[in-house]
């Protein structure tokens, strides 16, 4: 399979969260094509696990859909921040919980046709609760669910966020044979 040859790259718009870019590239037939995409810094998503086997999710309102969304906690990486640093910060910020152990389960590209972005997935064994430190745009409710309840929530479309469902696809096998 032939890979496309990038000829040029320009930033059309940049803000604190992403850059919108335009590349030109050489098509297989030799013609020049245009490719427009978002370039993000990546994000970390955390699956918080309690000693009794329950998992933590958050409920928050999403502006673009004007709907409440059940998700695993997470957030974007800031300039120079590592994925594990973002995971620790987002877990505390959005839930008030701290974990002693973070295990990187994997990563994925959430929208590889129009966004250059990597989502880093961590499982975290929760050890302590502190105060939440939400951004001024966030209002979050913390939810506690068993793995079988998460499966059912996805089947009922109560969980409809794509990154949460992709994260669950990466981690759910850890909980399949757990009798808690």
C-alpha atoms as a PDB file:
ATOM      1  CA  UNK A   1       0.000   0.000   0.000  1.00  0.00           C
ATOM      2  CA  UNK A   2       1.374   3.386  -0.991  1.00  0.00           C
ATOM      3  CA  UNK A   3       1.743   6.041   1.695  1.00  0.00           C
ATOM      4  CA  UNK A   4       0.938   9.639   0.806  1.00  0.00           C
ATOM      5  CA  UNK A   5       3.890  12.003   0.544  1.00  0.00           C
ATOM      6  CA  UNK A   6       3.460  15.260   2.520  1.00  0.00           C
ATOM      7  CA  UNK A   7       4.522  18.296   0.484  1.00  0.00           C
ATOM      8  CA  UNK A   8       3.673  21.143   2.868  1.00  0.00           C
ATOM      9  CA  UNK A   9       2.067  21.932   6.223  1.00  0.00           C
ATOM     10  CA  UNK A  10       0.499  25.168   7.491  1.00  0.00           C
ATOM     11  CA  UNK A  11      -1.301  26.117  10.687  1.00  0.00           C
ATOM     12  CA  UNK A  12      -4.617  27.794   9.873  1.00  0.00           C
ATOM     13  CA  UNK A  13      -5.737  28.371  13.454  1.00  0.00           C
ATOM     14  CA  UNK A  14      -4.224  27.694  16.858  1.00  0.00           C
ATOM     15  CA  UNK A  15      -5.715  27.889  20.345  1.00  0.00           C
ATOM     16  CA  UNK A  16      -4.773  26.474  23.773  1.00  0.00           C
ATOM     17  CA  UNK A  17      -6.293  23.062  22.949  1.00  0.00           C
ATOM     18  CA  UNK A  18      -5.369  22.269  19.349  1.00  0.00           C
ATOM     19  CA  UNK A  19      -4.078  23.516  16.013  1.00  0.00           C
ATOM     20  CA  UNK A  20      -6.133  23.320  12.827  1.00  0.00           C
ATOM     21  CA  UNK A  21      -3.810  22.470   9.953  1.00  0.00           C
ATOM     22  CA  UNK A  22      -3.740  22.227   6.175  1.00  0.00           C
ATOM     23  CA  UNK A  23      -1.298  19.906   4.445  1.00  0.00           C
ATOM     24  CA  UNK A  24      -0.732  19.347   0.782  1.00  0.00           C
ATOM     25  CA  UNK A  25       0.313  15.878  -0.302  1.00  0.00           C
ATOM     26  CA  UNK A  26       1.059  13.910  -3.428  1.00  0.00           C
ATOM     27  CA  UNK A  27      -1.733  11.522  -4.472  1.00  0.00           C
ATOM     28  CA  UNK A  28      -0.857   8.093  -5.908  1.00  0.00           C
ATOM     29  CA  UNK A  29      -1.587   9.471  -9.415  1.00  0.00           C
ATOM     30  CA  UNK A  30       0.927  12.330  -8.910  1.00  0.00           C
ATOM     31  CA  UNK A  31      -1.650  15.077  -8.393  1.00  0.00           C
ATOM     32  CA  UNK A  32      -1.554  17.359  -5.333  1.00  0.00           C
ATOM     33  CA  UNK A  33      -4.235  16.914  -2.672  1.00  0.00           C
ATOM     34  CA  UNK A  34      -5.350  18.964   0.333  1.00  0.00           C
ATOM     35  CA  UNK A  35      -5.766  17.531   3.826  1.00  0.00           C
ATOM     36  CA  UNK A  36      -7.323  19.484   6.710  1.00  0.00           C
ATOM     37  CA  UNK A  37      -7.117  18.194  10.282  1.00  0.00           C
ATOM     38  CA  UNK A  38      -6.891  19.035  13.959  1.00  0.00           C
ATOM     39  CA  UNK A  39      -3.591  18.431  15.754  1.00  0.00           C
ATOM     40  CA  UNK A  40      -4.044  17.898  19.510  1.00  0.00           C
ATOM     41  CA  UNK A  41      -1.568  17.254  22.350  1.00  0.00           C
ATOM     42  CA  UNK A  42      -3.299  14.029  23.394  1.00  0.00           C
ATOM     43  CA  UNK A  43      -5.249  13.138  26.495  1.00  0.00           C
ATOM     44  CA  UNK A  44      -5.261  10.769  29.436  1.00  0.00           C
ATOM     45  CA  UNK A  45      -8.288   8.741  30.518  1.00  0.00           C
ATOM     46  CA  UNK A  46      -8.345   6.994  33.862  1.00  0.00           C
ATOM     47  CA  UNK A  47     -10.358   3.961  34.986  1.00  0.00           C
ATOM     48  CA  UNK A  48     -10.367   4.340  38.794  1.00  0.00           C
ATOM     49  CA  UNK A  49     -10.701   0.994  40.608  1.00  0.00           C
ATOM     50  CA  UNK A  50     -11.760   0.629  44.255  1.00  0.00           C
ATOM     51  CA  UNK A  51     -10.716  -2.268  46.516  1.00  0.00           C
ATOM     52  CA  UNK A  52     -14.279  -3.669  46.417  1.00  0.00           C
ATOM     53  CA  UNK A  53     -14.175  -3.898  42.600  1.00  0.00           C
ATOM     54  CA  UNK A  54     -16.359  -0.900  41.843  1.00  0.00           C
ATOM     55  CA  UNK A  55     -15.220   1.597  39.233  1.00  0.00           C
ATOM     56  CA  UNK A  56     -15.622   5.342  39.171  1.00  0.00           C
ATOM     57  CA  UNK A  57     -17.203   7.303  36.336  1.00  0.00           C
ATOM     58  CA  UNK A  58     -18.246  10.926  36.101  1.00  0.00           C
ATOM     59  CA  UNK A  59     -21.419  12.564  34.872  1.00  0.00           C
ATOM     60  CA  UNK A  60     -21.044  15.948  33.237  1.00  0.00           C
ATOM     61  CA  UNK A  61     -22.814  18.141  30.723  1.00  0.00           C
ATOM     62  CA  UNK A  62     -21.285  18.324  27.246  1.00  0.00           C
ATOM     63  CA  UNK A  63     -21.656  21.659  25.462  1.00  0.00           C
ATOM     64  CA  UNK A  64     -21.596  20.420  21.835  1.00  0.00           C
ATOM     65  CA  UNK A  65     -24.402  17.893  22.308  1.00  0.00           C
ATOM     66  CA  UNK A  66     -26.239  19.760  25.075  1.00  0.00           C
ATOM     67  CA  UNK A  67     -26.546  16.413  26.889  1.00  0.00           C
ATOM     68  CA  UNK A  68     -25.291  14.837  30.079  1.00  0.00           C
ATOM     69  CA  UNK A  69     -22.531  12.320  29.454  1.00  0.00           C
ATOM     70  CA  UNK A  70     -21.271   9.430  31.592  1.00  0.00           C
ATOM     71  CA  UNK A  71     -17.518   9.077  31.109  1.00  0.00           C
ATOM     72  CA  UNK A  72     -14.324   7.920  32.725  1.00  0.00           C
ATOM     73  CA  UNK A  73     -12.389  10.895  34.120  1.00  0.00           C
ATOM     74  CA  UNK A  74      -9.764  12.377  31.863  1.00  0.00           C
ATOM     75  CA  UNK A  75      -8.421  15.425  30.150  1.00  0.00           C
ATOM     76  CA  UNK A  76      -6.035  16.881  27.655  1.00  0.00           C
ATOM     77  CA  UNK A  77      -2.285  17.093  28.066  1.00  0.00           C
ATOM     78  CA  UNK A  78      -0.880  20.564  28.467  1.00  0.00           C
ATOM     79  CA  UNK A  79       2.345  21.643  26.766  1.00  0.00           C
ATOM     80  CA  UNK A  80       5.261  19.628  28.137  1.00  0.00           C
ATOM     81  CA  UNK A  81       3.058  17.428  30.334  1.00  0.00           C
ATOM     82  CA  UNK A  82       3.389  13.637  30.215  1.00  0.00           C
ATOM     83  CA  UNK A  83       0.386  11.330  30.001  1.00  0.00           C
ATOM     84  CA  UNK A  84       0.912   9.996  33.532  1.00  0.00           C
ATOM     85  CA  UNK A  85       1.170  13.546  34.929  1.00  0.00           C
ATOM     86  CA  UNK A  86      -2.116  14.425  33.221  1.00  0.00           C
ATOM     87  CA  UNK A  87      -3.741  11.221  34.521  1.00  0.00           C
ATOM     88  CA  UNK A  88      -2.799  11.980  38.135  1.00  0.00           C
ATOM     89  CA  UNK A  89      -3.920  15.600  37.836  1.00  0.00           C
ATOM     90  CA  UNK A  90      -7.235  14.831  36.112  1.00  0.00           C
ATOM     91  CA  UNK A  91      -8.165  12.070  38.567  1.00  0.00           C
ATOM     92  CA  UNK A  92      -7.752  14.446  41.509  1.00  0.00           C
ATOM     93  CA  UNK A  93      -9.281  17.442  39.735  1.00  0.00           C
ATOM     94  CA  UNK A  94     -12.429  15.716  38.459  1.00  0.00           C
ATOM     95  CA  UNK A  95     -13.073  13.205  41.260  1.00  0.00           C
ATOM     96  CA  UNK A  96     -11.111  14.213  44.337  1.00  0.00           C
ATOM     97  CA  UNK A  97      -9.453  10.799  44.387  1.00  0.00           C
ATOM     98  CA  UNK A  98      -5.763   9.924  44.513  1.00  0.00           C
ATOM     99  CA  UNK A  99      -4.253   6.633  43.375  1.00  0.00           C
ATOM    100  CA  UNK A 100      -0.986   5.052  44.462  1.00  0.00           C
ATOM    101  CA  UNK A 101      -0.714   2.912  41.364  1.00  0.00           C
ATOM    102  CA  UNK A 102      -1.377   3.788  37.731  1.00  0.00           C
ATOM    103  CA  UNK A 103      -1.117   1.077  35.091  1.00  0.00           C
ATOM    104  CA  UNK A 104      -0.957   2.099  31.446  1.00  0.00           C
ATOM    105  CA  UNK A 105      -3.344  -0.224  29.638  1.00  0.00           C
ATOM    106  CA  UNK A 106      -2.883   1.141  26.129  1.00  0.00           C
ATOM    107  CA  UNK A 107      -3.567   4.022  23.803  1.00  0.00           C
ATOM    108  CA  UNK A 108      -5.688   4.741  20.752  1.00  0.00           C
ATOM    109  CA  UNK A 109      -6.385   7.355  18.115  1.00  0.00           C
ATOM    110  CA  UNK A 110      -9.992   8.523  18.657  1.00  0.00           C
ATOM    111  CA  UNK A 111     -10.608  10.043  15.206  1.00  0.00           C
ATOM    112  CA  UNK A 112      -7.665   9.249  12.926  1.00  0.00           C
ATOM    113  CA  UNK A 113      -9.385  10.492   9.767  1.00  0.00           C
ATOM    114  CA  UNK A 114      -9.554  14.134  10.862  1.00  0.00           C
ATOM    115  CA  UNK A 115      -7.601  14.500  14.101  1.00  0.00           C
ATOM    116  CA  UNK A 116      -4.015  13.788  15.061  1.00  0.00           C
ATOM    117  CA  UNK A 117      -4.548  12.841  18.697  1.00  0.00           C
ATOM    118  CA  UNK A 118      -3.547  10.049  21.077  1.00  0.00           C
ATOM    119  CA  UNK A 119      -5.638   8.948  24.043  1.00  0.00           C
ATOM    120  CA  UNK A 120      -3.577   7.273  26.798  1.00  0.00           C
ATOM    121  CA  UNK A 121      -5.572   4.847  28.973  1.00  0.00           C
ATOM    122  CA  UNK A 122      -4.678   4.111  32.597  1.00  0.00           C
ATOM    123  CA  UNK A 123      -6.179   1.963  35.321  1.00  0.00           C
ATOM    124  CA  UNK A 124      -5.665   3.470  38.777  1.00  0.00           C
ATOM    125  CA  UNK A 125      -6.076   1.758  42.137  1.00  0.00           C
ATOM    126  CA  UNK A 126      -7.727   4.435  44.268  1.00  0.00           C
ATOM    127  CA  UNK A 127      -6.205   4.925  47.712  1.00  0.00           C
ATOM    128  CA  UNK A 128      -7.425   8.209  49.167  1.00  0.00           C
ATOM    129  CA  UNK A 129     -10.119  10.875  48.801  1.00  0.00           C
ATOM    130  CA  UNK A 130      -9.458  14.607  48.877  1.00  0.00           C
ATOM    131  CA  UNK A 131     -11.337  17.664  47.649  1.00  0.00           C
ATOM    132  CA  UNK A 132     -12.235  18.010  43.954  1.00  0.00           C
ATOM    133  CA  UNK A 133     -10.572  20.897  42.113  1.00  0.00           C
ATOM    134  CA  UNK A 134     -12.811  21.451  39.084  1.00  0.00           C
ATOM    135  CA  UNK A 135     -12.142  23.877  36.250  1.00  0.00           C
ATOM    136  CA  UNK A 136     -14.509  26.859  36.213  1.00  0.00           C
ATOM    137  CA  UNK A 137     -16.399  25.270  33.281  1.00  0.00           C
ATOM    138  CA  UNK A 138     -16.921  21.889  34.981  1.00  0.00           C
ATOM    139  CA  UNK A 139     -19.768  20.620  37.118  1.00  0.00           C
ATOM    140  CA  UNK A 140     -19.251  16.920  37.760  1.00  0.00           C
ATOM    141  CA  UNK A 141     -21.119  14.206  39.622  1.00  0.00           C
ATOM    142  CA  UNK A 142     -19.123  11.126  40.646  1.00  0.00           C
ATOM    143  CA  UNK A 143     -20.707   7.722  39.954  1.00  0.00           C
ATOM    144  CA  UNK A 144     -19.698   4.310  41.330  1.00  0.00           C
ATOM    145  CA  UNK A 145     -20.517   1.252  39.207  1.00  0.00           C
ATOM    146  CA  UNK A 146     -19.681  -2.439  38.994  1.00  0.00           C
ATOM    147  CA  UNK A 147     -18.226  -3.677  35.691  1.00  0.00           C
ATOM    148  CA  UNK A 148     -21.484  -5.488  34.774  1.00  0.00           C
ATOM    149  CA  UNK A 149     -23.373  -2.225  35.304  1.00  0.00           C
ATOM    150  CA  UNK A 150     -21.038  -0.433  32.878  1.00  0.00           C
ATOM    151  CA  UNK A 151     -21.707  -3.106  30.249  1.00  0.00           C
ATOM    152  CA  UNK A 152     -25.445  -2.607  30.752  1.00  0.00           C
ATOM    153  CA  UNK A 153     -25.131   1.194  30.593  1.00  0.00           C
ATOM    154  CA  UNK A 154     -23.397   0.874  27.215  1.00  0.00           C
ATOM    155  CA  UNK A 155     -26.114  -1.505  25.937  1.00  0.00           C
ATOM    156  CA  UNK A 156     -28.824   0.971  27.042  1.00  0.00           C
ATOM    157  CA  UNK A 157     -26.899   3.868  25.436  1.00  0.00           C
ATOM    158  CA  UNK A 158     -26.596   5.563  28.840  1.00  0.00           C
ATOM    159  CA  UNK A 159     -22.876   5.669  28.016  1.00  0.00           C
ATOM    160  CA  UNK A 160     -22.569   7.077  24.500  1.00  0.00           C
ATOM    161  CA  UNK A 161     -19.183   8.830  24.650  1.00  0.00           C
ATOM    162  CA  UNK A 162     -16.838   7.210  22.106  1.00  0.00           C
ATOM    163  CA  UNK A 163     -13.651   7.616  24.124  1.00  0.00           C
ATOM    164  CA  UNK A 164     -15.282   6.061  27.180  1.00  0.00           C
ATOM    165  CA  UNK A 165     -16.482   3.092  25.115  1.00  0.00           C
ATOM    166  CA  UNK A 166     -13.044   2.662  23.499  1.00  0.00           C
ATOM    167  CA  UNK A 167     -11.427   2.838  26.941  1.00  0.00           C
ATOM    168  CA  UNK A 168     -13.836   0.200  28.255  1.00  0.00           C
ATOM    169  CA  UNK A 169     -12.964  -2.035  25.283  1.00  0.00           C
ATOM    170  CA  UNK A 170      -9.298  -1.846  26.366  1.00  0.00           C
ATOM    171  CA  UNK A 171      -9.873  -2.563  30.069  1.00  0.00           C
ATOM    172  CA  UNK A 172     -13.026  -4.637  30.466  1.00  0.00           C
ATOM    173  CA  UNK A 173     -11.202  -7.974  30.169  1.00  0.00           C
ATOM    174  CA  UNK A 174      -9.492  -7.164  33.497  1.00  0.00           C
ATOM    175  CA  UNK A 175     -12.916  -7.439  35.154  1.00  0.00           C
ATOM    176  CA  UNK A 176     -14.542 -10.361  33.274  1.00  0.00           C
ATOM    177  CA  UNK A 177     -13.679 -13.020  35.854  1.00  0.00           C
ATOM    178  CA  UNK A 178     -13.913 -10.831  38.925  1.00  0.00           C
ATOM    179  CA  UNK A 179     -16.613 -12.134  41.308  1.00  0.00           C
ATOM    180  CA  UNK A 180     -16.845  -8.931  43.369  1.00  0.00           C
END
